[in-house]
Amino acid sequence: MTLVPAGPYLAGEQNRVDTLSAYYIDIHPVTNADYAQFVQATGHRVPLHWQDGQFSADTADHPVVFVDHTDASTYARWAGKALPSSEQWEKAARGDQGDLYPWGNQASVVKCNVRESGLRCTTPVNRYHSGASQYGVYDMCGNVWEWCRTESTTGRFVLKGSAFTSSITRAAPAAMNDASASMMDDDTGFRCVLAVD
């Protein structure tokens, strides 16, 4: 995890000034290997694409997918953490200067795994060094959509960051997306946060 300090940041597509307390956020999305430890410790259901209850060895460091909001929240509680609010997620991605993307203000498909990258699948969570945010957080654009704890409407939760299935035009961290809490797909995962006491 890495520290996101307290203070103001620019939020949303209107760049309104908002302020957050300090918190820690996972540098990478939760991986298949991370999630396997949780499954082993708790007996929680495995993602449906795992064969015979196991992830493919070559995807250990890829983000876990086919997890719904309850799966993500349950993992976060088990780990002693929480899902980020949409505001926490966005500040970690855009930094305190409110850049359009984690790396600056120009869209770049070489800094993230989006549809235009042509990969058509998840990638290791530490692949895109040049796409990391001001706070050193990876995959805030592309690879997988990430669940947030912020409820958009009853039973629906915010998703951030876009995925390998999405156009770069949807990758801006200020952009809004949401889904039913029961949705699970091959392009949706999560990361966690921890409050600073």
N, C-alpha and C. Protein backbone atom coordinates (compact mmCIF):
# COMPACT_ATOMS: atom_id res chain seq x y z
N MET A 1 0.85 -1.18 0.00
CA MET A 1 0.00 0.00 0.00
C MET A 1 0.89 1.24 0.00
N THR A 2 0.30 2.35 -0.40
CA THR A 2 1.01 3.62 -0.37
C THR A 2 0.11 4.69 0.23
N LEU A 3 0.73 5.68 0.81
CA LEU A 3 -0.01 6.75 1.48
C LEU A 3 -0.48 7.80 0.48
N VAL A 4 -1.76 8.15 0.58
CA VAL A 4 -2.30 9.32 -0.12
C VAL A 4 -2.53 10.36 0.97
N PRO A 5 -1.77 11.45 0.99
CA PRO A 5 -1.86 12.40 2.10
C PRO A 5 -3.18 13.15 2.14
N ALA A 6 -3.50 13.66 3.30
CA ALA A 6 -4.70 14.50 3.46
C ALA A 6 -4.54 15.77 2.65
N GLY A 7 -5.67 16.32 2.24
CA GLY A 7 -5.63 17.60 1.55
C GLY A 7 -6.59 17.66 0.38
N PRO A 8 -6.57 18.79 -0.31
CA PRO A 8 -7.51 19.01 -1.43
C PRO A 8 -7.06 18.30 -2.70
N TYR A 9 -8.02 18.11 -3.60
CA TYR A 9 -7.75 17.58 -4.93
C TYR A 9 -8.90 18.01 -5.83
N LEU A 10 -8.75 17.85 -7.12
CA LEU A 10 -9.80 18.18 -8.07
C LEU A 10 -10.59 16.93 -8.37
N ALA A 11 -11.91 17.02 -8.25
CA ALA A 11 -12.76 15.84 -8.33
C ALA A 11 -13.79 15.98 -9.45
N GLY A 12 -14.05 14.86 -10.11
CA GLY A 12 -15.10 14.80 -11.10
C GLY A 12 -14.76 15.53 -12.38
N GLU A 13 -15.64 15.38 -13.35
CA GLU A 13 -15.41 16.01 -14.66
C GLU A 13 -15.50 17.53 -14.59
N GLN A 14 -16.13 18.05 -13.54
CA GLN A 14 -16.21 19.51 -13.35
C GLN A 14 -15.03 20.07 -12.56
N ASN A 15 -14.13 19.20 -12.11
CA ASN A 15 -12.95 19.61 -11.34
C ASN A 15 -13.30 20.46 -10.12
N ARG A 16 -14.31 20.01 -9.38
CA ARG A 16 -14.64 20.71 -8.13
C ARG A 16 -13.56 20.42 -7.10
N VAL A 17 -13.30 21.37 -6.23
CA VAL A 17 -12.29 21.18 -5.18
C VAL A 17 -12.92 20.39 -4.04
N ASP A 18 -12.29 19.31 -3.66
CA ASP A 18 -12.76 18.48 -2.56
C ASP A 18 -11.55 18.19 -1.66
N THR A 19 -11.81 17.74 -0.44
CA THR A 19 -10.75 17.44 0.51
C THR A 19 -11.00 16.07 1.13
N LEU A 20 -9.93 15.31 1.28
CA LEU A 20 -10.02 14.00 1.91
C LEU A 20 -8.99 13.88 3.03
N SER A 21 -9.33 13.07 4.03
CA SER A 21 -8.35 12.70 5.05
C SER A 21 -7.33 11.75 4.42
N ALA A 22 -6.20 11.57 5.08
CA ALA A 22 -5.16 10.67 4.58
C ALA A 22 -5.64 9.22 4.64
N TYR A 23 -5.15 8.41 3.71
CA TYR A 23 -5.47 6.98 3.68
C TYR A 23 -4.38 6.25 2.91
N TYR A 24 -4.34 4.96 3.08
CA TYR A 24 -3.47 4.11 2.30
C TYR A 24 -4.30 3.41 1.22
N ILE A 25 -3.69 3.19 0.06
CA ILE A 25 -4.37 2.46 -1.01
C ILE A 25 -3.43 1.41 -1.57
N ASP A 26 -3.98 0.28 -1.98
CA ASP A 26 -3.18 -0.77 -2.60
C ASP A 26 -2.49 -0.23 -3.85
N ILE A 27 -1.21 -0.51 -3.99
CA ILE A 27 -0.46 -0.07 -5.17
C ILE A 27 -0.98 -0.77 -6.42
N HIS A 28 -1.40 -2.01 -6.27
CA HIS A 28 -1.90 -2.80 -7.39
C HIS A 28 -3.32 -3.31 -7.08
N PRO A 29 -4.08 -3.61 -8.12
CA PRO A 29 -5.35 -4.33 -7.89
C PRO A 29 -5.06 -5.68 -7.22
N VAL A 30 -6.05 -6.20 -6.53
CA VAL A 30 -5.94 -7.53 -5.91
C VAL A 30 -5.75 -8.56 -7.02
N THR A 31 -4.74 -9.40 -6.86
CA THR A 31 -4.40 -10.38 -7.89
C THR A 31 -5.06 -11.74 -7.62
N ASN A 32 -4.96 -12.60 -8.61
CA ASN A 32 -5.44 -13.98 -8.43
C ASN A 32 -4.73 -14.65 -7.26
N ALA A 33 -3.42 -14.44 -7.14
CA ALA A 33 -2.67 -15.05 -6.04
C ALA A 33 -3.14 -14.53 -4.69
N ASP A 34 -3.39 -13.21 -4.60
CA ASP A 34 -3.92 -12.62 -3.37
C ASP A 34 -5.27 -13.24 -3.02
N TYR A 35 -6.13 -13.32 -4.01
CA TYR A 35 -7.49 -13.80 -3.78
C TYR A 35 -7.50 -15.27 -3.40
N ALA A 36 -6.55 -16.03 -3.93
CA ALA A 36 -6.45 -17.46 -3.58
C ALA A 36 -6.16 -17.65 -2.10
N GLN A 37 -5.36 -16.76 -1.51
CA GLN A 37 -5.10 -16.85 -0.06
C GLN A 37 -6.38 -16.63 0.73
N PHE A 38 -7.18 -15.68 0.29
CA PHE A 38 -8.48 -15.41 0.92
C PHE A 38 -9.41 -16.61 0.79
N VAL A 39 -9.48 -17.19 -0.39
CA VAL A 39 -10.33 -18.36 -0.61
C VAL A 39 -9.90 -19.51 0.28
N GLN A 40 -8.59 -19.74 0.36
CA GLN A 40 -8.08 -20.84 1.18
C GLN A 40 -8.38 -20.61 2.65
N ALA A 41 -8.27 -19.37 3.11
CA ALA A 41 -8.48 -19.07 4.53
C ALA A 41 -9.95 -19.09 4.93
N THR A 42 -10.83 -18.77 4.01
CA THR A 42 -12.25 -18.57 4.37
C THR A 42 -13.22 -19.56 3.75
N GLY A 43 -12.78 -20.25 2.70
CA GLY A 43 -13.70 -21.12 1.98
C GLY A 43 -14.66 -20.37 1.07
N HIS A 44 -14.39 -19.10 0.85
CA HIS A 44 -15.23 -18.30 -0.04
C HIS A 44 -15.22 -18.90 -1.44
N ARG A 45 -16.30 -18.68 -2.19
CA ARG A 45 -16.39 -19.24 -3.54
C ARG A 45 -15.26 -18.70 -4.42
N VAL A 46 -14.83 -19.52 -5.36
CA VAL A 46 -13.77 -19.12 -6.27
C VAL A 46 -14.38 -18.43 -7.49
N PRO A 47 -13.63 -17.57 -8.14
CA PRO A 47 -14.12 -16.98 -9.39
C PRO A 47 -14.44 -18.07 -10.41
N LEU A 48 -15.49 -17.87 -11.17
CA LEU A 48 -16.00 -18.94 -12.03
C LEU A 48 -15.05 -19.35 -13.15
N HIS A 49 -14.08 -18.51 -13.51
CA HIS A 49 -13.17 -18.88 -14.59
C HIS A 49 -11.98 -19.72 -14.10
N TRP A 50 -11.81 -19.85 -12.78
CA TRP A 50 -10.74 -20.71 -12.28
C TRP A 50 -11.10 -22.16 -12.56
N GLN A 51 -10.16 -22.92 -13.07
CA GLN A 51 -10.40 -24.32 -13.40
C GLN A 51 -10.11 -25.20 -12.18
N ASP A 52 -11.08 -26.02 -11.79
CA ASP A 52 -10.94 -26.91 -10.63
C ASP A 52 -10.53 -26.13 -9.38
N GLY A 53 -11.08 -24.93 -9.25
CA GLY A 53 -10.82 -24.12 -8.06
C GLY A 53 -9.47 -23.43 -8.03
N GLN A 54 -8.73 -23.45 -9.15
CA GLN A 54 -7.38 -22.87 -9.21
C GLN A 54 -7.29 -21.89 -10.37
N PHE A 55 -6.55 -20.81 -10.16
CA PHE A 55 -6.27 -19.91 -11.27
C PHE A 55 -5.15 -20.48 -12.11
N SER A 56 -5.07 -20.06 -13.36
CA SER A 56 -3.99 -20.48 -14.24
C SER A 56 -2.67 -19.90 -13.73
N ALA A 57 -1.63 -20.71 -13.71
CA ALA A 57 -0.35 -20.29 -13.13
C ALA A 57 0.21 -19.03 -13.78
N ASP A 58 -0.06 -18.84 -15.05
CA ASP A 58 0.48 -17.66 -15.73
C ASP A 58 -0.32 -16.39 -15.46
N THR A 59 -1.37 -16.50 -14.64
CA THR A 59 -2.16 -15.31 -14.29
C THR A 59 -2.10 -14.98 -12.80
N ALA A 60 -1.12 -15.53 -12.09
CA ALA A 60 -1.01 -15.27 -10.65
C ALA A 60 -0.93 -13.79 -10.34
N ASP A 61 -0.21 -13.03 -11.18
CA ASP A 61 -0.03 -11.60 -10.93
C ASP A 61 -0.97 -10.73 -11.77
N HIS A 62 -2.01 -11.34 -12.32
CA HIS A 62 -3.06 -10.59 -13.01
C HIS A 62 -4.17 -10.25 -12.00
N PRO A 63 -4.93 -9.19 -12.25
CA PRO A 63 -6.02 -8.88 -11.31
C PRO A 63 -7.08 -9.97 -11.31
N VAL A 64 -7.59 -10.29 -10.14
CA VAL A 64 -8.69 -11.23 -10.05
C VAL A 64 -9.92 -10.59 -10.71
N VAL A 65 -10.68 -11.40 -11.44
CA VAL A 65 -11.90 -10.93 -12.10
C VAL A 65 -13.04 -11.91 -11.79
N PHE A 66 -14.20 -11.64 -12.34
CA PHE A 66 -15.40 -12.40 -12.02
C PHE A 66 -15.68 -12.38 -10.53
N VAL A 67 -15.56 -11.17 -9.95
CA VAL A 67 -15.93 -10.96 -8.55
C VAL A 67 -16.99 -9.88 -8.51
N ASP A 68 -18.07 -10.14 -7.79
CA ASP A 68 -19.11 -9.12 -7.65
C ASP A 68 -18.78 -8.20 -6.47
N HIS A 69 -19.65 -7.25 -6.20
CA HIS A 69 -19.36 -6.27 -5.15
C HIS A 69 -19.26 -6.94 -3.78
N THR A 70 -20.08 -7.94 -3.54
CA THR A 70 -20.03 -8.65 -2.25
C THR A 70 -18.73 -9.41 -2.10
N ASP A 71 -18.27 -10.07 -3.16
CA ASP A 71 -16.98 -10.76 -3.11
C ASP A 71 -15.87 -9.78 -2.75
N ALA A 72 -15.85 -8.63 -3.43
CA ALA A 72 -14.80 -7.63 -3.21
C ALA A 72 -14.87 -7.08 -1.78
N SER A 73 -16.06 -6.77 -1.31
CA SER A 73 -16.22 -6.24 0.05
C SER A 73 -15.82 -7.26 1.11
N THR A 74 -16.17 -8.52 0.87
CA THR A 74 -15.84 -9.58 1.82
C THR A 74 -14.33 -9.77 1.89
N TYR A 75 -13.67 -9.76 0.75
CA TYR A 75 -12.20 -9.84 0.75
C TYR A 75 -11.60 -8.67 1.53
N ALA A 76 -12.09 -7.47 1.26
CA ALA A 76 -11.53 -6.28 1.92
C ALA A 76 -11.66 -6.39 3.44
N ARG A 77 -12.82 -6.83 3.92
CA ARG A 77 -13.00 -6.99 5.37
C ARG A 77 -12.06 -8.05 5.92
N TRP A 78 -11.92 -9.16 5.22
CA TRP A 78 -11.01 -10.23 5.64
C TRP A 78 -9.59 -9.70 5.77
N ALA A 79 -9.19 -8.82 4.85
CA ALA A 79 -7.84 -8.26 4.84
C ALA A 79 -7.67 -7.11 5.83
N GLY A 80 -8.74 -6.76 6.55
CA GLY A 80 -8.67 -5.65 7.50
C GLY A 80 -8.69 -4.29 6.82
N LYS A 81 -9.24 -4.24 5.63
CA LYS A 81 -9.26 -3.02 4.84
C LYS A 81 -10.70 -2.72 4.42
N ALA A 82 -10.86 -1.90 3.40
CA ALA A 82 -12.17 -1.56 2.85
C ALA A 82 -12.02 -1.30 1.36
N LEU A 83 -13.12 -1.33 0.65
CA LEU A 83 -13.09 -0.84 -0.72
C LEU A 83 -12.97 0.68 -0.67
N PRO A 84 -12.31 1.29 -1.65
CA PRO A 84 -12.21 2.75 -1.64
C PRO A 84 -13.53 3.40 -1.99
N SER A 85 -13.74 4.60 -1.45
CA SER A 85 -14.84 5.42 -1.97
C SER A 85 -14.44 5.86 -3.37
N SER A 86 -15.40 6.29 -4.15
CA SER A 86 -15.06 6.77 -5.49
C SER A 86 -14.12 7.97 -5.40
N GLU A 87 -14.28 8.78 -4.35
CA GLU A 87 -13.41 9.95 -4.16
C GLU A 87 -11.99 9.53 -3.83
N GLN A 88 -11.83 8.56 -2.94
CA GLN A 88 -10.49 8.06 -2.62
C GLN A 88 -9.82 7.48 -3.85
N TRP A 89 -10.57 6.71 -4.60
CA TRP A 89 -10.02 6.09 -5.80
C TRP A 89 -9.56 7.17 -6.77
N GLU A 90 -10.40 8.18 -6.99
CA GLU A 90 -10.07 9.21 -7.97
C GLU A 90 -8.86 10.05 -7.54
N LYS A 91 -8.76 10.41 -6.27
CA LYS A 91 -7.60 11.18 -5.83
C LYS A 91 -6.31 10.38 -6.01
N ALA A 92 -6.34 9.10 -5.68
CA ALA A 92 -5.15 8.26 -5.85
C ALA A 92 -4.74 8.18 -7.31
N ALA A 93 -5.71 8.28 -8.21
CA ALA A 93 -5.43 8.20 -9.65
C ALA A 93 -4.95 9.53 -10.23
N ARG A 94 -5.60 10.63 -9.84
CA ARG A 94 -5.34 11.93 -10.48
C ARG A 94 -4.32 12.78 -9.74
N GLY A 95 -3.99 12.44 -8.51
CA GLY A 95 -3.05 13.23 -7.74
C GLY A 95 -3.66 14.52 -7.24
N ASP A 96 -2.86 15.32 -6.57
CA ASP A 96 -3.40 16.54 -5.98
C ASP A 96 -3.48 17.70 -6.97
N GLN A 97 -2.96 17.49 -8.20
CA GLN A 97 -3.05 18.53 -9.24
C GLN A 97 -4.22 18.31 -10.18
N GLY A 98 -4.91 17.18 -10.04
CA GLY A 98 -6.09 16.92 -10.87
C GLY A 98 -5.79 16.61 -12.31
N ASP A 99 -4.69 15.90 -12.58
CA ASP A 99 -4.39 15.50 -13.95
C ASP A 99 -5.54 14.67 -14.53
N LEU A 100 -5.70 14.71 -15.85
CA LEU A 100 -6.76 13.94 -16.49
C LEU A 100 -6.52 12.44 -16.37
N TYR A 101 -5.24 12.05 -16.39
CA TYR A 101 -4.84 10.65 -16.30
C TYR A 101 -3.77 10.51 -15.22
N PRO A 102 -3.50 9.33 -14.74
CA PRO A 102 -2.49 9.17 -13.69
C PRO A 102 -1.11 9.71 -14.09
N TRP A 103 -0.78 9.66 -15.36
CA TRP A 103 0.54 10.05 -15.86
C TRP A 103 0.57 11.49 -16.38
N GLY A 104 -0.55 12.20 -16.43
CA GLY A 104 -0.58 13.56 -16.96
C GLY A 104 -1.87 13.85 -17.67
N ASN A 105 -1.83 14.70 -18.67
CA ASN A 105 -3.07 15.16 -19.32
C ASN A 105 -3.27 14.67 -20.74
N GLN A 106 -2.37 13.83 -21.22
CA GLN A 106 -2.52 13.29 -22.58
C GLN A 106 -2.90 11.81 -22.52
N ALA A 107 -3.95 11.45 -23.26
CA ALA A 107 -4.31 10.03 -23.36
C ALA A 107 -3.18 9.27 -24.04
N SER A 108 -2.84 8.10 -23.53
CA SER A 108 -1.75 7.31 -24.09
C SER A 108 -2.04 5.82 -23.91
N VAL A 109 -2.22 5.12 -25.02
CA VAL A 109 -2.53 3.69 -24.93
C VAL A 109 -1.30 2.85 -24.61
N VAL A 110 -0.11 3.45 -24.61
CA VAL A 110 1.09 2.68 -24.25
C VAL A 110 1.32 2.68 -22.74
N LYS A 111 0.51 3.43 -22.00
CA LYS A 111 0.67 3.52 -20.55
C LYS A 111 -0.39 2.74 -19.79
N CYS A 112 -1.25 2.02 -20.52
CA CYS A 112 -2.34 1.27 -19.86
C CYS A 112 -2.87 0.20 -20.81
N ASN A 113 -3.60 -0.74 -20.24
CA ASN A 113 -4.18 -1.85 -21.00
C ASN A 113 -5.64 -1.54 -21.30
N VAL A 114 -5.88 -0.93 -22.46
CA VAL A 114 -7.23 -0.61 -22.91
C VAL A 114 -7.47 -1.28 -24.27
N ARG A 115 -8.67 -1.14 -24.79
CA ARG A 115 -9.03 -1.82 -26.03
C ARG A 115 -8.03 -1.52 -27.15
N GLU A 116 -7.62 -0.26 -27.27
CA GLU A 116 -6.72 0.12 -28.34
C GLU A 116 -5.33 -0.52 -28.20
N SER A 117 -5.02 -1.03 -27.02
CA SER A 117 -3.74 -1.72 -26.84
C SER A 117 -3.70 -3.04 -27.60
N GLY A 118 -4.87 -3.59 -27.88
CA GLY A 118 -4.97 -4.80 -28.68
C GLY A 118 -4.64 -6.09 -27.96
N LEU A 119 -4.52 -6.06 -26.64
CA LEU A 119 -4.12 -7.27 -25.90
C LEU A 119 -5.29 -8.22 -25.64
N ARG A 120 -6.49 -7.66 -25.44
CA ARG A 120 -7.73 -8.43 -25.30
C ARG A 120 -7.78 -9.35 -24.09
N CYS A 121 -6.98 -9.05 -23.08
CA CYS A 121 -7.00 -9.82 -21.83
C CYS A 121 -6.32 -8.99 -20.74
N THR A 122 -6.42 -9.46 -19.51
CA THR A 122 -5.74 -8.78 -18.41
C THR A 122 -4.23 -8.95 -18.56
N THR A 123 -3.50 -8.08 -17.88
CA THR A 123 -2.04 -8.12 -17.88
C THR A 123 -1.54 -8.09 -16.44
N PRO A 124 -0.27 -8.43 -16.20
CA PRO A 124 0.27 -8.34 -14.84
C PRO A 124 0.08 -6.93 -14.27
N VAL A 125 -0.21 -6.88 -12.98
CA VAL A 125 -0.57 -5.59 -12.35
C VAL A 125 0.60 -4.63 -12.23
N ASN A 126 1.82 -5.10 -12.43
CA ASN A 126 2.99 -4.22 -12.33
C ASN A 126 3.61 -3.92 -13.69
N ARG A 127 2.87 -4.12 -14.75
CA ARG A 127 3.41 -3.99 -16.11
C ARG A 127 3.65 -2.54 -16.53
N TYR A 128 2.71 -1.66 -16.24
CA TYR A 128 2.72 -0.31 -16.82
C TYR A 128 3.35 0.70 -15.86
N HIS A 129 4.68 0.66 -15.76
CA HIS A 129 5.41 1.56 -14.85
C HIS A 129 5.16 3.02 -15.20
N SER A 130 5.17 3.34 -16.49
CA SER A 130 5.01 4.74 -16.90
C SER A 130 3.58 5.23 -16.75
N GLY A 131 2.66 4.32 -16.44
CA GLY A 131 1.27 4.71 -16.24
C GLY A 131 0.89 4.90 -14.79
N ALA A 132 1.86 4.75 -13.87
CA ALA A 132 1.57 4.89 -12.44
C ALA A 132 1.23 6.33 -12.09
N SER A 133 0.43 6.49 -11.05
CA SER A 133 0.00 7.82 -10.61
C SER A 133 1.10 8.52 -9.81
N GLN A 134 0.82 9.75 -9.44
CA GLN A 134 1.72 10.55 -8.60
C GLN A 134 2.12 9.81 -7.34
N TYR A 135 1.22 8.99 -6.81
CA TYR A 135 1.47 8.25 -5.57
C TYR A 135 2.05 6.86 -5.82
N GLY A 136 2.37 6.55 -7.07
CA GLY A 136 2.95 5.26 -7.40
C GLY A 136 1.94 4.13 -7.49
N VAL A 137 0.68 4.46 -7.79
CA VAL A 137 -0.39 3.47 -7.88
C VAL A 137 -0.55 3.04 -9.33
N TYR A 138 -0.55 1.74 -9.56
CA TYR A 138 -0.62 1.17 -10.91
C TYR A 138 -2.06 0.86 -11.33
N ASP A 139 -2.24 0.78 -12.64
CA ASP A 139 -3.49 0.29 -13.26
C ASP A 139 -4.72 1.11 -12.87
N MET A 140 -4.55 2.41 -12.71
CA MET A 140 -5.71 3.25 -12.43
C MET A 140 -6.47 3.58 -13.72
N CYS A 141 -5.88 3.26 -14.84
CA CYS A 141 -6.55 3.29 -16.14
C CYS A 141 -6.31 1.93 -16.79
N GLY A 142 -7.37 1.32 -17.26
CA GLY A 142 -7.23 0.06 -17.98
C GLY A 142 -7.04 -1.15 -17.09
N ASN A 143 -6.82 -2.26 -17.71
CA ASN A 143 -6.71 -3.60 -17.15
C ASN A 143 -8.07 -4.09 -16.66
N VAL A 144 -8.57 -3.61 -15.50
CA VAL A 144 -9.92 -4.00 -15.07
C VAL A 144 -10.64 -2.81 -14.44
N TRP A 145 -11.95 -2.77 -14.64
CA TRP A 145 -12.80 -1.87 -13.86
C TRP A 145 -12.66 -2.25 -12.39
N GLU A 146 -12.74 -1.26 -11.50
CA GLU A 146 -12.56 -1.55 -10.08
C GLU A 146 -13.77 -1.08 -9.27
N TRP A 147 -14.25 -2.01 -8.45
CA TRP A 147 -15.38 -1.71 -7.56
C TRP A 147 -14.98 -0.66 -6.53
N CYS A 148 -15.89 0.27 -6.27
CA CYS A 148 -15.77 1.21 -5.15
C CYS A 148 -16.91 0.95 -4.17
N ARG A 149 -16.78 1.45 -2.97
CA ARG A 149 -17.84 1.24 -1.98
C ARG A 149 -18.98 2.25 -2.13
N THR A 150 -18.80 3.26 -2.99
CA THR A 150 -19.80 4.30 -3.18
C THR A 150 -20.99 3.76 -3.96
N GLU A 151 -22.16 3.89 -3.37
CA GLU A 151 -23.39 3.44 -4.00
C GLU A 151 -23.91 4.58 -4.88
N SER A 152 -24.16 4.29 -6.16
CA SER A 152 -24.67 5.31 -7.09
C SER A 152 -26.18 5.45 -6.95
N THR A 153 -26.87 4.35 -6.95
CA THR A 153 -28.29 4.26 -6.62
C THR A 153 -28.47 2.96 -5.87
N THR A 154 -29.64 2.72 -5.33
CA THR A 154 -29.85 1.52 -4.52
C THR A 154 -29.45 0.26 -5.29
N GLY A 155 -28.52 -0.48 -4.72
CA GLY A 155 -28.09 -1.75 -5.31
C GLY A 155 -27.08 -1.64 -6.42
N ARG A 156 -26.63 -0.42 -6.71
CA ARG A 156 -25.62 -0.21 -7.75
C ARG A 156 -24.43 0.54 -7.16
N PHE A 157 -23.23 0.16 -7.60
CA PHE A 157 -22.01 0.74 -7.04
C PHE A 157 -21.11 1.27 -8.15
N VAL A 158 -20.34 2.29 -7.79
CA VAL A 158 -19.45 2.93 -8.74
C VAL A 158 -18.32 1.98 -9.15
N LEU A 159 -17.98 2.01 -10.42
CA LEU A 159 -16.81 1.34 -10.97
C LEU A 159 -15.89 2.42 -11.52
N LYS A 160 -14.60 2.24 -11.36
CA LYS A 160 -13.63 3.22 -11.83
C LYS A 160 -12.53 2.57 -12.66
N GLY A 161 -11.96 3.36 -13.58
CA GLY A 161 -10.70 3.02 -14.20
C GLY A 161 -10.71 2.41 -15.58
N SER A 162 -11.82 1.89 -16.03
CA SER A 162 -11.94 1.21 -17.32
C SER A 162 -11.17 -0.11 -17.32
N ALA A 163 -11.11 -0.76 -18.47
CA ALA A 163 -10.57 -2.12 -18.55
C ALA A 163 -9.99 -2.39 -19.93
N PHE A 164 -9.42 -3.58 -20.07
CA PHE A 164 -8.87 -3.98 -21.37
C PHE A 164 -9.94 -4.03 -22.45
N THR A 165 -11.20 -4.11 -22.05
CA THR A 165 -12.32 -4.15 -22.99
C THR A 165 -12.84 -2.76 -23.36
N SER A 166 -12.32 -1.73 -22.74
CA SER A 166 -12.85 -0.37 -22.88
C SER A 166 -11.94 0.52 -23.70
N SER A 167 -12.53 1.50 -24.34
CA SER A 167 -11.77 2.49 -25.08
C SER A 167 -11.03 3.42 -24.13
N ILE A 168 -9.91 3.98 -24.58
CA ILE A 168 -9.16 4.95 -23.79
C ILE A 168 -10.05 6.14 -23.42
N THR A 169 -11.07 6.42 -24.20
CA THR A 169 -11.95 7.55 -23.91
C THR A 169 -12.74 7.34 -22.61
N ARG A 170 -12.84 6.10 -22.16
CA ARG A 170 -13.56 5.81 -20.91
C ARG A 170 -12.61 5.68 -19.72
N ALA A 171 -11.30 5.82 -19.96
CA ALA A 171 -10.31 5.53 -18.93
C ALA A 171 -10.04 6.69 -17.98
N ALA A 172 -10.47 7.89 -18.31
CA ALA A 172 -10.18 9.03 -17.43
C ALA A 172 -10.74 8.77 -16.04
N PRO A 173 -9.93 8.90 -14.99
CA PRO A 173 -10.38 8.59 -13.64
C PRO A 173 -11.59 9.40 -13.15
N ALA A 174 -11.84 10.55 -13.74
CA ALA A 174 -13.01 11.33 -13.34
C ALA A 174 -14.30 10.78 -13.93
N ALA A 175 -14.20 9.93 -14.95
CA ALA A 175 -15.38 9.41 -15.62
C ALA A 175 -16.20 8.53 -14.68
N MET A 176 -17.50 8.52 -14.89
CA MET A 176 -18.43 7.78 -14.03
C MET A 176 -18.91 6.50 -14.73
N ASN A 177 -18.94 5.42 -13.99
CA ASN A 177 -19.54 4.18 -14.43
C ASN A 177 -20.07 3.48 -13.18
N ASP A 178 -21.07 2.65 -13.33
CA ASP A 178 -21.58 1.88 -12.19
C ASP A 178 -22.18 0.57 -12.70
N ALA A 179 -22.49 -0.29 -11.76
CA ALA A 179 -23.09 -1.59 -12.11
C ALA A 179 -23.85 -2.13 -10.92
N SER A 180 -24.74 -3.05 -11.19
CA SER A 180 -25.44 -3.77 -10.14
C SER A 180 -24.44 -4.49 -9.26
N ALA A 181 -24.72 -4.54 -7.97
CA ALA A 181 -23.81 -5.20 -7.02
C ALA A 181 -23.57 -6.66 -7.37
N SER A 182 -24.49 -7.28 -8.09
CA SER A 182 -24.36 -8.71 -8.41
C SER A 182 -23.60 -8.95 -9.72
N MET A 183 -23.22 -7.88 -10.42
CA MET A 183 -22.52 -8.03 -11.68
C MET A 183 -21.13 -8.60 -11.45
N MET A 184 -20.77 -9.56 -12.28
CA MET A 184 -19.39 -10.05 -12.30
C MET A 184 -19.03 -10.32 -13.75
N ASP A 185 -17.80 -9.97 -14.12
CA ASP A 185 -17.41 -10.09 -15.52
C ASP A 185 -15.90 -10.32 -15.59
N ASP A 186 -15.43 -10.60 -16.81
CA ASP A 186 -14.01 -10.89 -17.00
C ASP A 186 -13.15 -9.64 -17.01
N ASP A 187 -13.78 -8.46 -16.84
CA ASP A 187 -13.01 -7.22 -16.85
C ASP A 187 -13.25 -6.37 -15.61
N THR A 188 -13.65 -7.01 -14.51
CA THR A 188 -13.98 -6.28 -13.29
C THR A 188 -13.29 -6.89 -12.09
N GLY A 189 -12.53 -6.05 -11.35
CA GLY A 189 -11.84 -6.46 -10.14
C GLY A 189 -11.93 -5.37 -9.08
N PHE A 190 -10.88 -5.21 -8.27
CA PHE A 190 -10.93 -4.23 -7.19
C PHE A 190 -9.57 -4.08 -6.55
N ARG A 191 -9.43 -3.04 -5.73
CA ARG A 191 -8.30 -2.85 -4.81
C ARG A 191 -8.87 -2.33 -3.50
N CYS A 192 -8.02 -2.20 -2.48
CA CYS A 192 -8.48 -1.84 -1.15
C CYS A 192 -7.80 -0.58 -0.62
N VAL A 193 -8.40 -0.02 0.41
CA VAL A 193 -7.82 1.12 1.12
C VAL A 193 -7.80 0.83 2.62
N LEU A 194 -7.04 1.64 3.34
CA LEU A 194 -6.95 1.53 4.78
C LEU A 194 -6.84 2.93 5.35
N ALA A 195 -7.67 3.22 6.34
CA ALA A 195 -7.65 4.55 6.96
C ALA A 195 -6.35 4.76 7.73
N VAL A 196 -5.91 5.99 7.82
CA VAL A 196 -4.76 6.35 8.65
C VAL A 196 -5.29 6.70 10.02
N ASP A 197 -4.88 5.96 11.04
CA ASP A 197 -5.37 6.19 12.41
C ASP A 197 -4.66 7.39 13.03
